Amino acid sequence: MGDVVATVKVMPEDPEVSLESLKEEIKSAIPKGSELHNIEEEPIAFGLVALKVMFVVGDEEGGTEIVEEKLKELNGISSVEVQDIRRLM
């Protein structure tokens, strides 16, 4: 088996949520066996900015679910949506 890189879109509850604090919480929430690759900001509208979180996990079935659940548990997050999954070569 190999690894995959997944990109998830994390939407804050409102524009008042501190993105820097949220990024730090995301970094600490990534579980063992997964590796955070990158966090990018994506402006949405009216001051709301989403975070695109890229992480590497094993390509077994349900590999991204653990990370998704950990992110959904964080305060200040409205939704977590997988946008892309690609196999690493």
Protein backbone atom coordinates (compact mmCIF):
# COMPACT_ATOMS: atom_id res chain seq x y z
CA MET A 1 0.00 0.00 0.00
CA GLY A 2 1.02 3.58 -0.57
CA ASP A 3 0.06 6.98 0.66
CA VAL A 4 -2.41 9.58 -0.54
CA VAL A 5 -2.47 13.34 -0.17
CA ALA A 6 -5.89 14.70 0.71
CA THR A 7 -7.08 18.30 0.53
CA VAL A 8 -9.95 19.31 2.80
CA LYS A 9 -11.72 22.66 2.91
CA VAL A 10 -12.24 23.86 6.48
CA MET A 11 -14.87 26.57 6.88
CA PRO A 12 -14.73 28.74 10.01
CA GLU A 13 -18.02 29.51 11.77
CA ASP A 14 -17.70 33.23 11.01
CA PRO A 15 -15.18 35.86 9.85
CA GLU A 16 -14.33 36.71 13.46
CA VAL A 17 -12.58 33.34 14.05
CA SER A 18 -8.81 33.83 14.34
CA LEU A 19 -7.27 31.95 11.42
CA GLU A 20 -3.85 31.83 13.08
CA SER A 21 -5.30 30.18 16.19
CA LEU A 22 -7.32 27.82 14.03
CA LYS A 23 -4.20 26.83 12.08
CA GLU A 24 -2.38 26.00 15.32
CA GLU A 25 -5.33 23.90 16.50
CA ILE A 26 -5.40 22.06 13.18
CA LYS A 27 -1.67 21.32 13.42
CA SER A 28 -2.12 19.80 16.86
CA ALA A 29 -5.26 17.85 15.85
CA ILE A 30 -3.62 15.83 13.04
CA PRO A 31 -3.49 12.28 14.46
CA LYS A 32 -0.51 9.96 14.60
CA GLY A 33 -0.04 8.15 11.30
CA SER A 34 -1.00 11.27 9.32
CA GLU A 35 1.28 14.08 8.25
CA LEU A 36 0.26 17.70 7.76
CA HIS A 37 1.64 18.97 4.46
CA ASN A 38 0.25 22.49 4.02
CA ILE A 39 -2.45 24.96 5.09
CA GLU A 40 -3.53 27.67 2.63
CA GLU A 41 -6.06 30.46 3.01
CA GLU A 42 -8.84 30.78 0.42
CA PRO A 43 -10.94 33.97 0.48
CA ILE A 44 -14.65 33.16 0.09
CA ALA A 45 -16.80 36.31 0.49
CA PHE A 46 -17.60 39.13 2.91
CA GLY A 47 -14.41 38.62 4.91
CA LEU A 48 -14.88 34.86 5.32
CA VAL A 49 -11.73 32.87 4.60
CA ALA A 50 -11.62 29.07 4.30
CA LEU A 51 -8.55 26.99 5.06
CA LYS A 52 -7.39 24.36 2.59
CA VAL A 53 -5.60 21.71 4.62
CA MET A 54 -3.39 19.18 2.82
CA PHE A 55 -2.27 16.06 4.66
CA VAL A 56 -0.78 12.67 3.86
CA VAL A 57 -2.39 9.41 5.05
CA GLY A 58 -2.21 5.75 4.11
CA ASP A 59 -4.39 4.76 1.16
CA GLU A 60 -6.39 2.17 3.09
CA GLU A 61 -10.19 2.44 3.10
CA GLY A 62 -11.43 5.32 5.25
CA GLY A 63 -7.93 6.80 5.54
CA THR A 64 -9.10 10.42 5.66
CA GLU A 65 -12.05 9.85 8.00
CA ILE A 66 -9.98 9.98 11.20
CA VAL A 67 -8.49 13.35 10.25
CA GLU A 68 -11.89 14.69 9.15
CA GLU A 69 -13.46 13.73 12.48
CA LYS A 70 -10.61 15.34 14.45
CA LEU A 71 -11.01 18.58 12.49
CA LYS A 72 -14.80 18.62 12.95
CA GLU A 73 -14.30 18.45 16.74
CA LEU A 74 -12.36 21.73 16.83
CA ASN A 75 -14.05 24.89 18.11
CA GLY A 76 -14.76 27.57 15.51
CA ILE A 77 -15.19 25.19 12.56
CA SER A 78 -18.47 25.15 10.67
CA SER A 79 -17.71 22.37 8.15
CA VAL A 80 -15.01 20.08 6.78
CA GLU A 81 -15.24 18.91 3.17
CA VAL A 82 -12.85 16.65 1.25
CA GLN A 83 -12.03 18.34 -2.04
CA ASP A 84 -9.32 16.13 -3.50
CA ILE A 85 -7.47 12.86 -2.89
CA ARG A 86 -4.44 11.86 -4.94
CA ARG A 87 -2.14 8.87 -4.70
CA LEU A 88 1.52 9.66 -4.04
CA MET A 89 4.01 8.01 -6.37
